[in-house]
Amino acid sequence: MGQLVTPLWITGANGVSFAAMGLVLLLDGFAALRRLRGWLAFGPGERHFTTRTGVGAGAASVTTVAEGGELGGRIAFGVVAVLLDLLSASPLLVWLWRRVHPSSSPTC
């Protein structure tokens, strides 16, 4: 059989397309986690949570499982949802800060 020769620009374009799709899937997964946490914390309806507490490691560990309260579960998921929203909005917040306060821009 003959040797297959592919132009370098086709190989590069193929690599860029795979990298771009990976980035899209990563960002979409992050957005899905944000939406799920927000729905668990702030969505309508009744929620049932389980609390798991563990002490120790290996054979010497003790784990208890109990029904958790709805309020505690909503607070825990709400804190995570708000933190994820702030994390995803942080580039916009930094851009706005730099537009409003050009002389006191935060340094990274």
N, C-alpha and C. Protein backbone atom coordinates (compact mmCIF):
# COMPACT_ATOMS: atom_id res chain seq x y z
N MET A 1 0.83 -1.18 0.00
CA MET A 1 0.00 0.00 0.00
C MET A 1 0.87 1.24 0.00
N GLY A 2 0.31 2.30 -0.58
CA GLY A 2 1.03 3.57 -0.63
C GLY A 2 0.90 4.32 0.68
N GLN A 3 1.77 5.27 0.85
CA GLN A 3 1.77 6.09 2.07
C GLN A 3 0.76 7.22 1.91
N LEU A 4 -0.07 7.44 2.94
CA LEU A 4 -1.06 8.50 2.93
C LEU A 4 -0.42 9.77 3.47
N VAL A 5 -0.44 10.83 2.70
CA VAL A 5 0.16 12.09 3.11
C VAL A 5 -0.95 13.12 3.26
N THR A 6 -1.08 13.68 4.46
CA THR A 6 -2.09 14.69 4.75
C THR A 6 -1.40 16.03 4.92
N PRO A 7 -1.93 17.08 4.29
CA PRO A 7 -1.32 18.40 4.48
C PRO A 7 -1.38 18.83 5.95
N LEU A 8 -0.37 19.56 6.35
CA LEU A 8 -0.25 19.98 7.75
C LEU A 8 -1.43 20.84 8.18
N TRP A 9 -1.95 21.69 7.31
CA TRP A 9 -3.05 22.56 7.69
C TRP A 9 -4.32 21.76 7.98
N ILE A 10 -4.52 20.64 7.31
CA ILE A 10 -5.69 19.80 7.59
C ILE A 10 -5.53 19.14 8.96
N THR A 11 -4.34 18.66 9.25
CA THR A 11 -4.08 18.06 10.56
C THR A 11 -4.29 19.09 11.67
N GLY A 12 -3.79 20.32 11.46
CA GLY A 12 -3.96 21.39 12.46
C GLY A 12 -5.42 21.77 12.64
N ALA A 13 -6.17 21.88 11.53
CA ALA A 13 -7.59 22.22 11.62
C ALA A 13 -8.35 21.13 12.37
N ASN A 14 -7.99 19.89 12.12
CA ASN A 14 -8.64 18.77 12.81
C ASN A 14 -8.36 18.85 14.32
N GLY A 15 -7.12 19.14 14.69
CA GLY A 15 -6.78 19.26 16.11
C GLY A 15 -7.50 20.41 16.78
N VAL A 16 -7.60 21.55 16.10
CA VAL A 16 -8.31 22.71 16.66
C VAL A 16 -9.78 22.38 16.84
N SER A 17 -10.38 21.68 15.89
CA SER A 17 -11.81 21.35 16.02
C SER A 17 -12.05 20.41 17.21
N PHE A 18 -11.16 19.43 17.42
CA PHE A 18 -11.32 18.54 18.57
C PHE A 18 -11.14 19.30 19.88
N ALA A 19 -10.16 20.20 19.94
CA ALA A 19 -9.94 20.99 21.15
C ALA A 19 -11.13 21.90 21.43
N ALA A 20 -11.69 22.51 20.38
CA ALA A 20 -12.84 23.39 20.57
C ALA A 20 -14.05 22.60 21.07
N MET A 21 -14.27 21.41 20.53
CA MET A 21 -15.39 20.59 20.99
C MET A 21 -15.20 20.16 22.44
N GLY A 22 -13.97 19.85 22.82
CA GLY A 22 -13.70 19.51 24.22
C GLY A 22 -14.01 20.67 25.15
N LEU A 23 -13.64 21.88 24.73
CA LEU A 23 -13.93 23.07 25.53
C LEU A 23 -15.43 23.30 25.64
N VAL A 24 -16.15 23.12 24.55
CA VAL A 24 -17.61 23.29 24.58
C VAL A 24 -18.25 22.28 25.53
N LEU A 25 -17.81 21.02 25.47
CA LEU A 25 -18.37 20.00 26.36
C LEU A 25 -18.04 20.30 27.82
N LEU A 26 -16.84 20.78 28.09
CA LEU A 26 -16.45 21.13 29.46
C LEU A 26 -17.30 22.26 29.99
N LEU A 27 -17.46 23.32 29.21
CA LEU A 27 -18.25 24.47 29.65
C LEU A 27 -19.73 24.11 29.79
N ASP A 28 -20.24 23.27 28.88
CA ASP A 28 -21.64 22.86 28.97
C ASP A 28 -21.87 22.00 30.22
N GLY A 29 -20.91 21.16 30.56
CA GLY A 29 -21.03 20.36 31.78
C GLY A 29 -21.02 21.23 33.02
N PHE A 30 -20.18 22.27 33.03
CA PHE A 30 -20.13 23.21 34.15
C PHE A 30 -21.45 23.94 34.28
N ALA A 31 -22.02 24.37 33.15
CA ALA A 31 -23.31 25.07 33.18
C ALA A 31 -24.41 24.15 33.66
N ALA A 32 -24.37 22.89 33.28
CA ALA A 32 -25.38 21.93 33.72
C ALA A 32 -25.30 21.73 35.24
N LEU A 33 -24.10 21.67 35.78
CA LEU A 33 -23.95 21.55 37.23
C LEU A 33 -24.52 22.77 37.94
N ARG A 34 -24.26 23.96 37.39
CA ARG A 34 -24.81 25.18 37.99
C ARG A 34 -26.33 25.15 37.98
N ARG A 35 -26.92 24.75 36.86
CA ARG A 35 -28.39 24.72 36.78
C ARG A 35 -28.97 23.68 37.75
N LEU A 36 -28.33 22.53 37.86
CA LEU A 36 -28.83 21.48 38.76
C LEU A 36 -28.78 21.94 40.21
N ARG A 37 -27.65 22.53 40.62
CA ARG A 37 -27.54 23.01 42.01
C ARG A 37 -28.56 24.11 42.30
N GLY A 38 -28.74 25.00 41.35
CA GLY A 38 -29.73 26.06 41.53
C GLY A 38 -31.14 25.53 41.64
N TRP A 39 -31.48 24.54 40.84
CA TRP A 39 -32.82 23.96 40.91
C TRP A 39 -33.04 23.24 42.24
N LEU A 40 -32.02 22.50 42.71
CA LEU A 40 -32.15 21.81 43.99
C LEU A 40 -32.35 22.79 45.14
N ALA A 41 -31.66 23.92 45.07
CA ALA A 41 -31.72 24.89 46.17
C ALA A 41 -32.95 25.78 46.10
N PHE A 42 -33.30 26.26 44.91
CA PHE A 42 -34.30 27.31 44.80
C PHE A 42 -35.56 26.88 44.05
N GLY A 43 -35.58 25.69 43.49
CA GLY A 43 -36.74 25.25 42.71
C GLY A 43 -37.93 24.92 43.59
N PRO A 44 -39.13 24.90 43.00
CA PRO A 44 -40.32 24.58 43.78
C PRO A 44 -40.40 23.08 44.08
N GLY A 45 -41.17 22.76 45.07
CA GLY A 45 -41.41 21.36 45.41
C GLY A 45 -40.64 20.91 46.63
N GLU A 46 -41.02 19.75 47.10
CA GLU A 46 -40.42 19.18 48.30
C GLU A 46 -39.14 18.45 47.94
N ARG A 47 -38.14 18.50 48.81
CA ARG A 47 -36.86 17.83 48.60
C ARG A 47 -36.58 16.90 49.78
N HIS A 48 -35.93 15.79 49.49
CA HIS A 48 -35.51 14.85 50.53
C HIS A 48 -34.00 14.70 50.43
N PHE A 49 -33.30 14.96 51.53
CA PHE A 49 -31.85 14.90 51.56
C PHE A 49 -31.41 13.86 52.57
N THR A 50 -30.21 13.31 52.36
CA THR A 50 -29.61 12.35 53.27
C THR A 50 -28.32 12.94 53.80
N THR A 51 -28.10 12.80 55.11
CA THR A 51 -26.88 13.29 55.74
C THR A 51 -26.01 12.09 56.08
N ARG A 52 -24.77 12.11 55.64
CA ARG A 52 -23.83 11.02 55.89
C ARG A 52 -22.65 11.59 56.65
N THR A 53 -22.34 10.99 57.81
CA THR A 53 -21.23 11.45 58.64
C THR A 53 -20.28 10.28 58.87
N GLY A 54 -18.99 10.51 58.65
CA GLY A 54 -18.01 9.45 58.84
C GLY A 54 -16.86 9.92 59.70
N VAL A 55 -16.36 9.00 60.53
CA VAL A 55 -15.21 9.27 61.38
C VAL A 55 -14.24 8.11 61.22
N GLY A 56 -12.97 8.41 61.05
CA GLY A 56 -11.97 7.37 60.93
C GLY A 56 -11.76 6.95 59.49
N ALA A 57 -10.87 5.95 59.31
CA ALA A 57 -10.56 5.46 57.97
C ALA A 57 -10.34 3.95 58.03
N GLY A 58 -10.61 3.31 56.91
CA GLY A 58 -10.36 1.88 56.80
C GLY A 58 -11.30 1.07 57.68
N ALA A 59 -10.74 0.03 58.33
CA ALA A 59 -11.54 -0.86 59.16
C ALA A 59 -12.00 -0.19 60.45
N ALA A 60 -11.34 0.89 60.85
CA ALA A 60 -11.68 1.58 62.10
C ALA A 60 -12.65 2.74 61.87
N SER A 61 -13.29 2.77 60.71
CA SER A 61 -14.18 3.90 60.43
C SER A 61 -15.60 3.60 60.90
N VAL A 62 -16.29 4.67 61.25
CA VAL A 62 -17.69 4.59 61.67
C VAL A 62 -18.46 5.60 60.82
N THR A 63 -19.53 5.13 60.18
CA THR A 63 -20.33 6.00 59.33
C THR A 63 -21.78 5.92 59.78
N THR A 64 -22.41 7.09 59.89
CA THR A 64 -23.83 7.13 60.20
C THR A 64 -24.56 7.79 59.03
N VAL A 65 -25.73 7.30 58.75
CA VAL A 65 -26.57 7.84 57.68
C VAL A 65 -27.91 8.18 58.31
N ALA A 66 -28.37 9.41 58.07
CA ALA A 66 -29.64 9.86 58.63
C ALA A 66 -30.37 10.70 57.60
N GLU A 67 -31.67 10.81 57.77
CA GLU A 67 -32.45 11.67 56.90
C GLU A 67 -32.13 13.12 57.24
N GLY A 68 -31.77 13.89 56.24
CA GLY A 68 -31.44 15.29 56.45
C GLY A 68 -32.67 16.16 56.30
N GLY A 69 -32.63 17.32 56.90
CA GLY A 69 -33.74 18.25 56.79
C GLY A 69 -33.75 18.96 55.45
N GLU A 70 -34.94 19.34 54.99
CA GLU A 70 -35.06 20.03 53.70
C GLU A 70 -34.36 21.38 53.73
N LEU A 71 -34.49 22.12 54.83
CA LEU A 71 -33.89 23.44 54.92
C LEU A 71 -32.36 23.36 54.85
N GLY A 72 -31.78 22.43 55.58
CA GLY A 72 -30.32 22.28 55.56
C GLY A 72 -29.80 21.90 54.19
N GLY A 73 -30.50 21.01 53.50
CA GLY A 73 -30.10 20.62 52.15
C GLY A 73 -30.21 21.77 51.17
N ARG A 74 -31.29 22.53 51.27
CA ARG A 74 -31.45 23.68 50.37
C ARG A 74 -30.39 24.75 50.63
N ILE A 75 -30.05 24.95 51.90
CA ILE A 75 -29.00 25.93 52.22
C ILE A 75 -27.66 25.47 51.65
N ALA A 76 -27.33 24.19 51.83
CA ALA A 76 -26.04 23.69 51.32
C ALA A 76 -25.97 23.81 49.81
N PHE A 77 -27.00 23.38 49.09
CA PHE A 77 -26.99 23.49 47.64
C PHE A 77 -27.08 24.95 47.19
N GLY A 78 -27.77 25.79 47.96
CA GLY A 78 -27.86 27.20 47.61
C GLY A 78 -26.52 27.91 47.70
N VAL A 79 -25.75 27.61 48.74
CA VAL A 79 -24.43 28.21 48.89
C VAL A 79 -23.54 27.81 47.71
N VAL A 80 -23.55 26.53 47.35
CA VAL A 80 -22.74 26.07 46.22
C VAL A 80 -23.22 26.71 44.92
N ALA A 81 -24.55 26.80 44.73
CA ALA A 81 -25.09 27.40 43.50
C ALA A 81 -24.68 28.87 43.37
N VAL A 82 -24.75 29.62 44.45
CA VAL A 82 -24.38 31.03 44.41
C VAL A 82 -22.88 31.17 44.15
N LEU A 83 -22.05 30.34 44.79
CA LEU A 83 -20.60 30.40 44.56
C LEU A 83 -20.25 30.06 43.11
N LEU A 84 -20.90 29.05 42.53
CA LEU A 84 -20.65 28.71 41.12
C LEU A 84 -21.10 29.83 40.20
N ASP A 85 -22.21 30.48 40.51
CA ASP A 85 -22.67 31.61 39.70
C ASP A 85 -21.67 32.78 39.78
N LEU A 86 -21.16 33.06 40.98
CA LEU A 86 -20.16 34.13 41.12
C LEU A 86 -18.88 33.77 40.38
N LEU A 87 -18.49 32.50 40.44
CA LEU A 87 -17.29 32.07 39.74
C LEU A 87 -17.44 32.24 38.23
N SER A 88 -18.60 31.87 37.71
CA SER A 88 -18.79 31.99 36.27
C SER A 88 -19.00 33.44 35.84
N ALA A 89 -19.46 34.30 36.74
CA ALA A 89 -19.66 35.72 36.41
C ALA A 89 -18.44 36.58 36.72
N SER A 90 -17.41 36.00 37.32
CA SER A 90 -16.25 36.80 37.73
C SER A 90 -15.54 37.50 36.57
N PRO A 91 -15.39 36.91 35.38
CA PRO A 91 -14.77 37.70 34.30
C PRO A 91 -15.58 38.95 33.95
N LEU A 92 -16.89 38.83 33.93
CA LEU A 92 -17.73 39.99 33.65
C LEU A 92 -17.61 41.03 34.75
N LEU A 93 -17.58 40.59 36.00
CA LEU A 93 -17.46 41.53 37.12
C LEU A 93 -16.12 42.27 37.09
N VAL A 94 -15.04 41.55 36.76
CA VAL A 94 -13.72 42.20 36.67
C VAL A 94 -13.71 43.19 35.52
N TRP A 95 -14.31 42.84 34.38
CA TRP A 95 -14.37 43.76 33.24
C TRP A 95 -15.15 45.02 33.60
N LEU A 96 -16.30 44.85 34.27
CA LEU A 96 -17.08 46.01 34.69
C LEU A 96 -16.32 46.88 35.68
N TRP A 97 -15.63 46.24 36.62
CA TRP A 97 -14.84 46.97 37.60
C TRP A 97 -13.78 47.81 36.91
N ARG A 98 -13.10 47.23 35.94
CA ARG A 98 -12.05 47.96 35.22
C ARG A 98 -12.62 49.10 34.39
N ARG A 99 -13.84 48.96 33.90
CA ARG A 99 -14.46 50.05 33.13
C ARG A 99 -14.86 51.20 34.04
N VAL A 100 -15.36 50.89 35.24
CA VAL A 100 -15.82 51.92 36.17
C VAL A 100 -14.65 52.57 36.89
N HIS A 101 -13.66 51.79 37.27
CA HIS A 101 -12.49 52.27 38.04
C HIS A 101 -11.22 51.97 37.26
N PRO A 102 -10.91 52.71 36.21
CA PRO A 102 -9.72 52.37 35.41
C PRO A 102 -8.41 52.56 36.14
N SER A 103 -8.34 53.47 37.10
CA SER A 103 -7.07 53.72 37.80
C SER A 103 -6.81 52.72 38.92
N SER A 104 -7.86 52.06 39.42
CA SER A 104 -7.67 51.13 40.54
C SER A 104 -8.01 49.70 40.12
N SER A 105 -7.56 49.32 38.92
CA SER A 105 -7.83 47.96 38.45
C SER A 105 -7.13 46.94 39.31
N PRO A 106 -7.82 45.84 39.66
CA PRO A 106 -7.16 44.78 40.44
C PRO A 106 -6.07 44.13 39.59
N THR A 107 -4.94 43.83 40.19
CA THR A 107 -3.85 43.19 39.46
C THR A 107 -3.90 41.70 39.69
N CYS A 108 -3.57 40.96 38.67
CA CYS A 108 -3.56 39.50 38.78
C CYS A 108 -2.17 38.98 38.71
